N, C-alpha and C. Protein backbone atom coordinates (compact mmCIF):
# COMPACT_ATOMS: atom_id res chain seq x y z
N MET A 1 -68.73 -50.15 36.35
CA MET A 1 -67.58 -50.62 37.12
C MET A 1 -68.06 -51.73 38.06
N ASP A 2 -67.23 -52.73 38.19
CA ASP A 2 -67.56 -53.87 39.04
C ASP A 2 -67.70 -53.45 40.49
N ILE A 3 -68.72 -53.96 41.19
CA ILE A 3 -68.98 -53.57 42.57
C ILE A 3 -67.85 -53.96 43.50
N LYS A 4 -67.18 -55.08 43.20
CA LYS A 4 -66.05 -55.52 44.02
C LYS A 4 -64.87 -54.55 43.89
N LEU A 5 -64.65 -54.07 42.67
CA LEU A 5 -63.57 -53.12 42.43
C LEU A 5 -63.83 -51.82 43.18
N ILE A 6 -65.09 -51.35 43.16
CA ILE A 6 -65.44 -50.13 43.89
C ILE A 6 -65.19 -50.31 45.39
N PHE A 7 -65.57 -51.49 45.89
CA PHE A 7 -65.37 -51.78 47.31
C PHE A 7 -63.89 -51.77 47.68
N VAL A 8 -63.05 -52.38 46.83
CA VAL A 8 -61.60 -52.44 47.09
C VAL A 8 -61.00 -51.04 47.07
N VAL A 9 -61.42 -50.21 46.11
CA VAL A 9 -60.91 -48.84 46.01
C VAL A 9 -61.28 -48.04 47.25
N LEU A 10 -62.53 -48.17 47.70
CA LEU A 10 -62.96 -47.46 48.91
C LEU A 10 -62.21 -47.92 50.14
N LEU A 11 -61.99 -49.22 50.25
CA LEU A 11 -61.26 -49.79 51.39
C LEU A 11 -59.82 -49.29 51.42
N LEU A 12 -59.16 -49.29 50.26
CA LEU A 12 -57.78 -48.79 50.19
C LEU A 12 -57.71 -47.31 50.54
N SER A 13 -58.68 -46.55 50.09
CA SER A 13 -58.73 -45.12 50.39
C SER A 13 -58.84 -44.87 51.89
N LEU A 14 -59.69 -45.64 52.56
CA LEU A 14 -59.84 -45.50 54.01
C LEU A 14 -58.56 -45.86 54.74
N ILE A 15 -57.90 -46.93 54.31
CA ILE A 15 -56.65 -47.37 54.95
C ILE A 15 -55.56 -46.32 54.79
N ILE A 16 -55.41 -45.79 53.56
CA ILE A 16 -54.37 -44.79 53.29
C ILE A 16 -54.61 -43.52 54.09
N ASN A 17 -55.84 -43.03 54.12
CA ASN A 17 -56.16 -41.81 54.87
C ASN A 17 -55.98 -42.03 56.36
N GLY A 18 -56.33 -43.19 56.84
CA GLY A 18 -56.18 -43.48 58.27
C GLY A 18 -54.73 -43.55 58.69
N CYS A 19 -53.89 -44.13 57.83
CA CYS A 19 -52.47 -44.27 58.18
C CYS A 19 -51.73 -42.95 58.09
N SER A 20 -52.24 -42.03 57.30
CA SER A 20 -51.53 -40.76 57.12
C SER A 20 -51.76 -39.81 58.27
N ARG A 21 -52.70 -40.14 59.17
CA ARG A 21 -52.99 -39.26 60.29
C ARG A 21 -52.34 -39.79 61.55
N ARG A 22 -51.66 -38.91 62.24
CA ARG A 22 -51.04 -39.28 63.50
C ARG A 22 -52.07 -39.17 64.62
N VAL A 23 -52.23 -40.24 65.36
CA VAL A 23 -53.19 -40.24 66.46
C VAL A 23 -52.48 -39.75 67.71
N ALA A 24 -53.00 -38.71 68.32
CA ALA A 24 -52.40 -38.16 69.54
C ALA A 24 -53.49 -37.52 70.37
N PHE A 25 -53.21 -37.34 71.65
CA PHE A 25 -54.21 -36.78 72.56
C PHE A 25 -54.42 -35.30 72.27
N GLY A 26 -55.68 -34.89 72.21
CA GLY A 26 -56.00 -33.48 72.06
C GLY A 26 -55.92 -33.01 70.62
N ASN A 27 -56.55 -31.88 70.36
CA ASN A 27 -56.49 -31.33 69.02
C ASN A 27 -55.17 -30.60 68.80
N CYS A 28 -55.01 -30.07 67.60
CA CYS A 28 -53.72 -29.45 67.26
C CYS A 28 -53.42 -28.24 68.13
N ASP A 29 -54.44 -27.47 68.48
CA ASP A 29 -54.22 -26.30 69.32
C ASP A 29 -53.64 -26.69 70.67
N PHE A 30 -54.04 -27.85 71.18
CA PHE A 30 -53.49 -28.32 72.45
C PHE A 30 -52.08 -28.85 72.26
N ARG A 31 -51.88 -29.67 71.22
CA ARG A 31 -50.61 -30.37 71.06
C ARG A 31 -49.48 -29.47 70.57
N VAL A 32 -49.80 -28.27 70.07
CA VAL A 32 -48.75 -27.37 69.61
C VAL A 32 -47.84 -26.98 70.76
N LYS A 33 -48.37 -27.00 72.00
CA LYS A 33 -47.57 -26.62 73.16
C LYS A 33 -46.46 -27.63 73.44
N SER A 34 -46.65 -28.88 73.04
CA SER A 34 -45.64 -29.90 73.29
C SER A 34 -44.87 -30.26 72.03
N SER A 35 -45.00 -29.46 71.01
CA SER A 35 -44.31 -29.64 69.72
C SER A 35 -44.74 -30.93 69.02
N GLU A 36 -45.88 -31.51 69.39
CA GLU A 36 -46.36 -32.73 68.75
C GLU A 36 -47.14 -32.43 67.48
N CYS A 37 -47.53 -31.20 67.30
CA CYS A 37 -48.36 -30.86 66.16
C CYS A 37 -47.64 -29.81 65.32
N HIS A 38 -47.32 -30.16 64.11
CA HIS A 38 -46.60 -29.24 63.24
C HIS A 38 -47.58 -28.60 62.26
N GLN A 39 -47.99 -27.40 62.59
CA GLN A 39 -48.93 -26.68 61.75
C GLN A 39 -48.20 -26.00 60.60
N PRO A 40 -48.88 -25.80 59.49
CA PRO A 40 -48.27 -25.03 58.40
C PRO A 40 -48.00 -23.61 58.87
N PRO A 41 -47.06 -22.91 58.23
CA PRO A 41 -46.75 -21.54 58.65
C PRO A 41 -48.00 -20.68 58.73
N SER A 42 -48.10 -19.92 59.82
CA SER A 42 -49.28 -19.10 60.05
C SER A 42 -49.26 -17.88 59.14
N THR A 43 -50.44 -17.53 58.66
CA THR A 43 -50.59 -16.32 57.85
C THR A 43 -51.06 -15.15 58.70
N ILE A 44 -51.25 -15.41 60.00
CA ILE A 44 -51.70 -14.37 60.93
C ILE A 44 -50.50 -13.50 61.31
N GLU A 45 -50.71 -12.21 61.31
CA GLU A 45 -49.63 -11.28 61.65
C GLU A 45 -49.50 -11.16 63.17
N ASP A 46 -48.27 -11.25 63.67
CA ASP A 46 -48.01 -11.13 65.09
C ASP A 46 -48.25 -9.71 65.58
N ALA A 47 -48.66 -9.60 66.85
CA ALA A 47 -48.73 -8.29 67.50
C ALA A 47 -47.34 -7.94 68.03
N ASN A 48 -47.15 -6.70 68.40
CA ASN A 48 -45.91 -6.27 69.04
C ASN A 48 -45.97 -6.71 70.50
N LEU A 49 -45.24 -7.78 70.83
CA LEU A 49 -45.34 -8.39 72.15
C LEU A 49 -44.86 -7.44 73.26
N ILE A 50 -43.83 -6.69 72.99
CA ILE A 50 -43.32 -5.75 73.99
C ILE A 50 -44.34 -4.66 74.26
N ALA A 51 -44.88 -4.08 73.20
CA ALA A 51 -45.85 -3.00 73.36
C ALA A 51 -47.10 -3.46 74.12
N THR A 52 -47.59 -4.66 73.79
CA THR A 52 -48.78 -5.15 74.48
C THR A 52 -48.50 -5.48 75.94
N SER A 53 -47.30 -5.98 76.23
CA SER A 53 -46.93 -6.27 77.62
C SER A 53 -46.82 -4.97 78.43
N TYR A 54 -46.23 -3.96 77.83
CA TYR A 54 -46.10 -2.67 78.51
C TYR A 54 -47.47 -2.04 78.77
N THR A 55 -48.36 -2.14 77.79
CA THR A 55 -49.73 -1.63 77.97
C THR A 55 -50.43 -2.35 79.11
N ALA A 56 -50.24 -3.67 79.18
CA ALA A 56 -50.86 -4.46 80.25
C ALA A 56 -50.33 -4.04 81.61
N ALA A 57 -49.01 -3.85 81.72
CA ALA A 57 -48.42 -3.41 82.99
C ALA A 57 -48.95 -2.03 83.38
N ASP A 58 -49.04 -1.12 82.42
CA ASP A 58 -49.56 0.22 82.69
C ASP A 58 -50.99 0.16 83.21
N LYS A 59 -51.78 -0.74 82.64
CA LYS A 59 -53.17 -0.88 83.05
C LYS A 59 -53.26 -1.43 84.49
N LEU A 60 -52.41 -2.41 84.81
CA LEU A 60 -52.39 -2.95 86.18
C LEU A 60 -52.02 -1.86 87.18
N ILE A 61 -51.03 -1.04 86.82
CA ILE A 61 -50.60 0.05 87.71
C ILE A 61 -51.71 1.08 87.89
N GLN A 62 -52.31 1.48 86.78
CA GLN A 62 -53.36 2.51 86.82
C GLN A 62 -54.53 2.08 87.70
N ASP A 63 -54.95 0.83 87.57
CA ASP A 63 -56.12 0.36 88.32
C ASP A 63 -55.80 0.05 89.78
N ALA A 64 -54.50 0.00 90.13
CA ALA A 64 -54.11 -0.31 91.51
C ALA A 64 -53.86 0.93 92.35
N ILE A 65 -53.85 2.11 91.74
CA ILE A 65 -53.65 3.36 92.49
C ILE A 65 -54.87 3.60 93.37
N PRO A 66 -54.73 3.99 94.63
CA PRO A 66 -53.50 4.38 95.35
C PRO A 66 -52.88 3.25 96.18
N ILE A 67 -53.42 2.02 96.07
CA ILE A 67 -52.88 0.92 96.89
C ILE A 67 -51.44 0.61 96.51
N LEU A 68 -51.16 0.63 95.21
CA LEU A 68 -49.81 0.37 94.73
C LEU A 68 -49.03 1.68 94.69
N SER A 69 -47.87 1.69 95.33
CA SER A 69 -47.02 2.89 95.35
C SER A 69 -45.62 2.50 94.89
N PRO A 70 -44.79 3.49 94.54
CA PRO A 70 -43.41 3.17 94.14
C PRO A 70 -42.61 2.45 95.23
N GLN A 71 -43.05 2.53 96.48
CA GLN A 71 -42.34 1.85 97.57
C GLN A 71 -42.78 0.39 97.73
N THR A 72 -43.79 -0.03 96.99
CA THR A 72 -44.29 -1.40 97.09
C THR A 72 -43.29 -2.37 96.47
N ASN A 73 -42.93 -3.42 97.22
CA ASN A 73 -42.03 -4.44 96.69
C ASN A 73 -42.83 -5.44 95.85
N LEU A 74 -42.45 -5.58 94.59
CA LEU A 74 -43.17 -6.45 93.66
C LEU A 74 -42.36 -7.67 93.28
N LEU A 75 -43.06 -8.77 93.10
CA LEU A 75 -42.48 -9.96 92.50
C LEU A 75 -43.31 -10.28 91.26
N VAL A 76 -42.66 -10.49 90.12
CA VAL A 76 -43.36 -10.80 88.88
C VAL A 76 -43.04 -12.23 88.49
N THR A 77 -44.08 -13.06 88.33
CA THR A 77 -43.87 -14.47 88.00
C THR A 77 -43.93 -14.68 86.49
N SER A 78 -43.57 -15.88 86.07
CA SER A 78 -43.85 -16.29 84.70
C SER A 78 -45.36 -16.45 84.56
N ILE A 79 -45.84 -16.28 83.35
CA ILE A 79 -47.27 -16.44 83.08
C ILE A 79 -47.51 -17.91 82.71
N ALA A 80 -48.46 -18.55 83.39
CA ALA A 80 -48.63 -20.00 83.31
C ALA A 80 -49.67 -20.42 82.29
N ASP A 81 -49.54 -21.65 81.83
CA ASP A 81 -50.55 -22.29 80.99
C ASP A 81 -51.79 -22.52 81.84
N ILE A 82 -52.95 -22.03 81.40
CA ILE A 82 -54.16 -22.11 82.20
C ILE A 82 -54.59 -23.56 82.47
N ASP A 83 -54.20 -24.48 81.59
CA ASP A 83 -54.57 -25.88 81.78
C ASP A 83 -53.62 -26.63 82.71
N ASN A 84 -52.51 -26.01 83.04
CA ASN A 84 -51.53 -26.64 83.94
C ASN A 84 -50.72 -25.53 84.58
N LEU A 85 -51.13 -25.11 85.78
CA LEU A 85 -50.50 -23.96 86.43
C LEU A 85 -49.06 -24.21 86.86
N ALA A 86 -48.62 -25.46 86.78
CA ALA A 86 -47.23 -25.77 87.11
C ALA A 86 -46.36 -25.80 85.86
N TYR A 87 -46.87 -25.28 84.76
CA TYR A 87 -46.16 -25.38 83.48
C TYR A 87 -46.20 -24.04 82.76
N THR A 88 -45.11 -23.70 82.12
CA THR A 88 -45.10 -22.52 81.26
C THR A 88 -44.18 -22.79 80.08
N THR A 89 -44.03 -21.82 79.22
CA THR A 89 -43.20 -21.94 78.03
C THR A 89 -42.33 -20.70 77.93
N THR A 90 -41.55 -20.63 76.86
CA THR A 90 -40.77 -19.42 76.60
C THR A 90 -41.70 -18.21 76.53
N PHE A 91 -42.87 -18.40 75.95
CA PHE A 91 -43.86 -17.33 75.86
C PHE A 91 -44.22 -16.80 77.25
N GLY A 92 -44.54 -17.69 78.18
CA GLY A 92 -44.92 -17.28 79.53
C GLY A 92 -43.79 -16.62 80.29
N ARG A 93 -42.58 -17.14 80.12
CA ARG A 93 -41.43 -16.56 80.80
C ARG A 93 -41.09 -15.18 80.24
N LEU A 94 -41.19 -15.05 78.91
CA LEU A 94 -40.91 -13.77 78.27
C LEU A 94 -41.91 -12.71 78.71
N LEU A 95 -43.19 -13.06 78.79
CA LEU A 95 -44.19 -12.11 79.26
C LEU A 95 -43.85 -11.62 80.67
N GLY A 96 -43.45 -12.56 81.54
CA GLY A 96 -43.07 -12.17 82.89
C GLY A 96 -41.90 -11.20 82.91
N GLU A 97 -40.91 -11.45 82.08
CA GLU A 97 -39.74 -10.57 82.00
C GLU A 97 -40.13 -9.18 81.49
N GLN A 98 -41.00 -9.13 80.48
CA GLN A 98 -41.40 -7.84 79.92
C GLN A 98 -42.25 -7.04 80.90
N LEU A 99 -43.11 -7.72 81.65
CA LEU A 99 -43.91 -7.03 82.67
C LEU A 99 -43.00 -6.46 83.75
N ALA A 100 -42.02 -7.25 84.20
CA ALA A 100 -41.08 -6.78 85.22
C ALA A 100 -40.31 -5.56 84.73
N THR A 101 -39.92 -5.59 83.47
CA THR A 101 -39.20 -4.46 82.88
C THR A 101 -40.04 -3.19 82.92
N ARG A 102 -41.31 -3.32 82.57
CA ARG A 102 -42.17 -2.15 82.54
C ARG A 102 -42.42 -1.59 83.94
N PHE A 103 -42.63 -2.46 84.92
CA PHE A 103 -42.82 -1.99 86.29
C PHE A 103 -41.57 -1.25 86.77
N THR A 104 -40.40 -1.74 86.40
CA THR A 104 -39.15 -1.08 86.77
C THR A 104 -39.06 0.30 86.10
N GLN A 105 -39.42 0.35 84.82
CA GLN A 105 -39.41 1.63 84.10
C GLN A 105 -40.36 2.65 84.74
N ARG A 106 -41.41 2.16 85.35
CA ARG A 106 -42.38 3.04 86.00
C ARG A 106 -42.01 3.29 87.47
N ASN A 107 -40.74 3.03 87.81
CA ASN A 107 -40.16 3.34 89.12
C ASN A 107 -40.72 2.52 90.27
N HIS A 108 -41.07 1.26 89.98
CA HIS A 108 -41.50 0.36 91.03
C HIS A 108 -40.35 -0.59 91.40
N ILE A 109 -40.33 -1.03 92.64
CA ILE A 109 -39.30 -1.95 93.12
C ILE A 109 -39.69 -3.36 92.73
N VAL A 110 -38.87 -4.02 91.91
CA VAL A 110 -39.15 -5.38 91.46
C VAL A 110 -38.05 -6.30 91.94
N THR A 111 -38.41 -7.35 92.67
CA THR A 111 -37.45 -8.35 93.12
C THR A 111 -37.13 -9.28 91.97
N GLU A 112 -35.86 -9.49 91.71
CA GLU A 112 -35.43 -10.39 90.64
C GLU A 112 -35.41 -11.81 91.18
N ALA A 113 -36.34 -12.63 90.71
CA ALA A 113 -36.50 -13.99 91.23
C ALA A 113 -35.27 -14.85 90.96
N LYS A 114 -34.58 -14.63 89.86
CA LYS A 114 -33.45 -15.48 89.51
C LYS A 114 -32.29 -15.38 90.50
N PHE A 115 -32.20 -14.27 91.24
CA PHE A 115 -31.08 -14.08 92.16
C PHE A 115 -31.51 -14.06 93.61
N ASN A 116 -32.72 -14.53 93.89
CA ASN A 116 -33.21 -14.58 95.26
C ASN A 116 -33.04 -15.98 95.80
N ASP A 117 -32.27 -16.13 96.88
CA ASP A 117 -31.98 -17.45 97.43
C ASP A 117 -33.23 -18.19 97.88
N ASN A 118 -34.21 -17.46 98.41
CA ASN A 118 -35.45 -18.10 98.85
C ASN A 118 -36.19 -18.75 97.68
N LEU A 119 -36.24 -18.04 96.55
CA LEU A 119 -36.98 -18.55 95.41
C LEU A 119 -36.29 -19.74 94.76
N LYS A 120 -34.99 -19.90 94.99
CA LYS A 120 -34.29 -21.03 94.41
C LYS A 120 -34.75 -22.35 95.02
N LEU A 121 -35.45 -22.30 96.14
CA LEU A 121 -35.95 -23.51 96.77
C LEU A 121 -37.29 -23.96 96.20
N ILE A 122 -37.90 -23.13 95.37
CA ILE A 122 -39.23 -23.40 94.84
C ILE A 122 -39.13 -23.80 93.37
N PRO A 123 -39.87 -24.83 92.93
CA PRO A 123 -39.86 -25.18 91.50
C PRO A 123 -40.23 -23.96 90.66
N ARG A 124 -39.44 -23.67 89.63
CA ARG A 124 -39.64 -22.45 88.86
C ARG A 124 -40.55 -22.68 87.67
N ASN A 125 -41.75 -23.08 87.94
CA ASN A 125 -42.72 -23.31 86.87
C ASN A 125 -43.98 -22.53 87.15
N GLY A 126 -44.51 -21.89 86.11
CA GLY A 126 -45.82 -21.27 86.19
C GLY A 126 -46.01 -20.36 87.37
N GLU A 127 -47.16 -20.48 88.04
CA GLU A 127 -47.51 -19.59 89.13
C GLU A 127 -46.92 -20.09 90.45
N PHE A 128 -45.59 -20.35 90.46
CA PHE A 128 -44.97 -20.91 91.65
C PHE A 128 -45.14 -20.01 92.86
N VAL A 129 -45.25 -18.71 92.64
CA VAL A 129 -45.30 -17.78 93.75
C VAL A 129 -46.58 -17.94 94.57
N LEU A 130 -47.60 -18.55 94.02
CA LEU A 130 -48.84 -18.71 94.74
C LEU A 130 -48.83 -19.95 95.64
N SER A 131 -47.73 -20.70 95.59
CA SER A 131 -47.67 -21.91 96.40
C SER A 131 -47.62 -21.57 97.89
N ARG A 132 -48.21 -22.44 98.69
CA ARG A 132 -48.25 -22.22 100.13
C ARG A 132 -46.84 -22.21 100.70
N GLU A 133 -45.93 -23.02 100.14
CA GLU A 133 -44.56 -23.08 100.65
C GLU A 133 -43.89 -21.72 100.59
N LEU A 134 -44.11 -21.00 99.50
CA LEU A 134 -43.45 -19.70 99.34
C LEU A 134 -44.05 -18.67 100.29
N ARG A 135 -45.38 -18.67 100.42
CA ARG A 135 -46.01 -17.69 101.30
C ARG A 135 -45.63 -17.92 102.76
N GLU A 136 -45.37 -19.19 103.13
CA GLU A 136 -45.04 -19.50 104.51
C GLU A 136 -43.55 -19.41 104.80
N MET A 137 -42.76 -19.12 103.77
CA MET A 137 -41.31 -19.10 103.92
C MET A 137 -40.86 -17.96 104.83
N GLU A 138 -39.89 -18.24 105.68
CA GLU A 138 -39.38 -17.20 106.58
C GLU A 138 -38.69 -16.11 105.77
N GLY A 139 -38.84 -14.91 106.26
CA GLY A 139 -38.16 -13.78 105.62
C GLY A 139 -38.73 -13.44 104.26
N SER A 140 -40.03 -13.67 104.06
CA SER A 140 -40.64 -13.39 102.75
C SER A 140 -41.23 -11.99 102.70
N ASP A 141 -40.77 -11.08 103.58
CA ASP A 141 -41.30 -9.73 103.59
C ASP A 141 -40.69 -8.86 102.48
N TRP A 142 -39.88 -9.45 101.62
CA TRP A 142 -39.31 -8.71 100.51
C TRP A 142 -40.34 -8.50 99.40
N ALA A 143 -41.51 -9.13 99.51
CA ALA A 143 -42.54 -8.95 98.50
C ALA A 143 -43.85 -8.53 99.16
N ASP A 144 -44.41 -7.41 98.70
CA ASP A 144 -45.72 -6.95 99.17
C ASP A 144 -46.83 -7.39 98.22
N MET A 145 -46.52 -7.37 96.94
CA MET A 145 -47.50 -7.74 95.93
C MET A 145 -46.83 -8.59 94.86
N VAL A 146 -47.64 -9.33 94.14
CA VAL A 146 -47.12 -10.19 93.08
C VAL A 146 -47.95 -10.01 91.82
N VAL A 147 -47.26 -10.00 90.69
CA VAL A 147 -47.90 -9.95 89.38
C VAL A 147 -47.82 -11.35 88.79
N THR A 148 -48.97 -11.91 88.47
CA THR A 148 -49.01 -13.26 87.95
C THR A 148 -50.12 -13.36 86.92
N GLY A 149 -50.29 -14.53 86.32
CA GLY A 149 -51.35 -14.66 85.33
C GLY A 149 -51.30 -15.97 84.58
N THR A 150 -52.22 -16.11 83.64
CA THR A 150 -52.33 -17.32 82.84
C THR A 150 -52.54 -16.96 81.38
N TYR A 151 -52.28 -17.95 80.50
CA TYR A 151 -52.61 -17.79 79.09
C TYR A 151 -53.30 -19.06 78.60
N ALA A 152 -54.15 -18.90 77.60
CA ALA A 152 -54.84 -20.03 76.98
C ALA A 152 -54.75 -19.88 75.47
N ILE A 153 -54.57 -21.00 74.79
CA ILE A 153 -54.38 -20.99 73.34
C ILE A 153 -55.66 -21.43 72.64
N SER A 154 -56.11 -20.64 71.68
CA SER A 154 -57.26 -21.02 70.86
C SER A 154 -56.78 -21.22 69.43
N ASN A 155 -57.71 -21.32 68.52
CA ASN A 155 -57.37 -21.59 67.13
C ASN A 155 -56.50 -20.49 66.52
N ASP A 156 -56.82 -19.22 66.80
CA ASP A 156 -56.07 -18.13 66.17
C ASP A 156 -55.63 -17.04 67.14
N LYS A 157 -55.87 -17.24 68.44
CA LYS A 157 -55.51 -16.23 69.43
C LYS A 157 -54.92 -16.88 70.67
N VAL A 158 -54.20 -16.05 71.44
CA VAL A 158 -53.76 -16.43 72.78
C VAL A 158 -54.46 -15.47 73.75
N TYR A 159 -55.19 -16.04 74.71
CA TYR A 159 -55.92 -15.24 75.69
C TYR A 159 -55.07 -15.13 76.95
N ILE A 160 -54.81 -13.91 77.39
CA ILE A 160 -53.94 -13.66 78.53
C ILE A 160 -54.71 -12.93 79.62
N THR A 161 -54.59 -13.40 80.84
CA THR A 161 -55.20 -12.75 82.00
C THR A 161 -54.12 -12.50 83.03
N LEU A 162 -53.97 -11.25 83.45
CA LEU A 162 -52.95 -10.86 84.42
C LEU A 162 -53.62 -10.33 85.67
N LYS A 163 -52.95 -10.56 86.81
CA LYS A 163 -53.48 -10.08 88.09
C LYS A 163 -52.36 -9.53 88.96
N LEU A 164 -52.66 -8.47 89.65
CA LEU A 164 -51.78 -7.93 90.68
C LEU A 164 -52.40 -8.32 92.02
N LEU A 165 -51.70 -9.14 92.80
CA LEU A 165 -52.25 -9.71 94.02
C LEU A 165 -51.51 -9.22 95.25
N ASP A 166 -52.22 -9.13 96.36
CA ASP A 166 -51.59 -8.93 97.66
C ASP A 166 -50.84 -10.22 97.99
N PHE A 167 -49.57 -10.11 98.31
CA PHE A 167 -48.74 -11.29 98.50
C PHE A 167 -49.20 -12.16 99.67
N THR A 168 -49.66 -11.53 100.74
CA THR A 168 -50.04 -12.27 101.95
C THR A 168 -51.43 -12.89 101.83
N THR A 169 -52.38 -12.15 101.31
CA THR A 169 -53.77 -12.60 101.30
C THR A 169 -54.24 -13.16 99.96
N SER A 170 -53.48 -12.94 98.89
CA SER A 170 -53.85 -13.31 97.52
C SER A 170 -55.07 -12.53 97.01
N LYS A 171 -55.43 -11.45 97.69
CA LYS A 171 -56.53 -10.60 97.23
C LYS A 171 -56.13 -9.91 95.94
N VAL A 172 -57.05 -9.89 94.97
CA VAL A 172 -56.78 -9.25 93.68
C VAL A 172 -56.87 -7.74 93.83
N ILE A 173 -55.78 -7.05 93.53
CA ILE A 173 -55.73 -5.59 93.60
C ILE A 173 -56.15 -4.98 92.26
N SER A 174 -55.67 -5.55 91.18
CA SER A 174 -56.09 -5.13 89.84
C SER A 174 -55.90 -6.30 88.88
N SER A 175 -56.58 -6.24 87.74
CA SER A 175 -56.47 -7.32 86.76
C SER A 175 -56.65 -6.75 85.36
N TYR A 176 -56.17 -7.51 84.39
CA TYR A 176 -56.26 -7.05 83.00
C TYR A 176 -56.25 -8.29 82.09
N ALA A 177 -57.15 -8.32 81.13
CA ALA A 177 -57.24 -9.43 80.18
C ALA A 177 -57.17 -8.90 78.76
N TYR A 178 -56.45 -9.61 77.90
CA TYR A 178 -56.33 -9.20 76.50
C TYR A 178 -55.99 -10.42 75.65
N THR A 179 -56.01 -10.23 74.34
CA THR A 179 -55.66 -11.31 73.42
C THR A 179 -54.52 -10.89 72.52
N LEU A 180 -53.80 -11.90 72.03
CA LEU A 180 -52.76 -11.70 71.01
C LEU A 180 -53.07 -12.61 69.84
N PRO A 181 -52.85 -12.14 68.61
CA PRO A 181 -53.01 -13.03 67.45
C PRO A 181 -51.92 -14.10 67.48
N LYS A 182 -52.28 -15.31 67.06
CA LYS A 182 -51.32 -16.42 67.10
C LYS A 182 -50.55 -16.48 65.79
N GLY A 183 -49.65 -15.51 65.62
CA GLY A 183 -48.78 -15.48 64.45
C GLY A 183 -47.63 -16.46 64.60
N GLN A 184 -46.76 -16.49 63.60
CA GLN A 184 -45.69 -17.47 63.57
C GLN A 184 -44.70 -17.29 64.72
N ASN A 185 -44.34 -16.05 65.05
CA ASN A 185 -43.41 -15.83 66.15
C ASN A 185 -44.02 -16.22 67.48
N THR A 186 -45.27 -15.84 67.70
CA THR A 186 -45.95 -16.21 68.94
C THR A 186 -46.07 -17.72 69.05
N LEU A 187 -46.38 -18.37 67.94
CA LEU A 187 -46.50 -19.82 67.91
C LEU A 187 -45.19 -20.50 68.31
N SER A 188 -44.07 -19.97 67.82
CA SER A 188 -42.78 -20.57 68.16
C SER A 188 -42.45 -20.40 69.64
N LEU A 189 -42.87 -19.29 70.24
CA LEU A 189 -42.63 -19.07 71.67
C LEU A 189 -43.48 -19.98 72.54
N LEU A 190 -44.57 -20.49 71.99
CA LEU A 190 -45.47 -21.36 72.74
C LEU A 190 -45.02 -22.82 72.72
N GLN A 191 -44.00 -23.14 71.93
CA GLN A 191 -43.52 -24.51 71.86
C GLN A 191 -42.89 -24.92 73.18
N LYS A 192 -42.87 -26.20 73.43
CA LYS A 192 -42.30 -26.72 74.67
C LYS A 192 -40.84 -26.35 74.77
N SER A 193 -40.44 -25.94 75.98
CA SER A 193 -39.05 -25.57 76.24
C SER A 193 -38.50 -26.41 77.37
N PHE A 194 -37.21 -26.75 77.32
CA PHE A 194 -36.63 -27.61 78.33
C PHE A 194 -35.72 -26.88 79.29
N TRP A 195 -35.58 -25.58 79.12
CA TRP A 195 -34.68 -24.82 79.98
C TRP A 195 -35.46 -23.71 80.65
N TRP A 196 -35.15 -23.47 81.93
CA TRP A 196 -35.84 -22.39 82.65
C TRP A 196 -35.20 -21.05 82.41
N TRP A 197 -33.89 -20.94 82.58
CA TRP A 197 -33.25 -19.62 82.44
C TRP A 197 -32.47 -19.56 81.14
């Protein structure tokens, strides 16, 4: 085969392969959060999100005894993206809701952030409750402790870290870390969302 023909074929191959790839910041695991990366359907089986959230809440409660009592006023935040604490997704908000549900089932007092006038003044993203503005807000004695946390996305798992904090001092009372497989349902919950409630 002529050397020029081989060169032309190789050059065309490089051009075609280069044009077929979308150039964007970060790898696919990062860009999936902003819906910029469309991965093929996952073959990984999802975990039971409700069951794992309830187990996590039970573990936080167990490790906080006797400091945490049924009379303790709790605030449960959305779980934030570890790379941007001012950002969360449907996944993070759903985890927060499920944790709050479990604490309520275990007879703890949980303040509903959506109907609290004080919280309406704070941007409702990620770990908003840890902001200095909220801690310094007048009349914030409705919360004694706060449940908050972060998640991080890897190739096939989501790593979640939860903490039960003293509201005034931010001292960690108990903590729990676990992973979830990144199945198709979990992946869809991690996509960028434009609505808070």
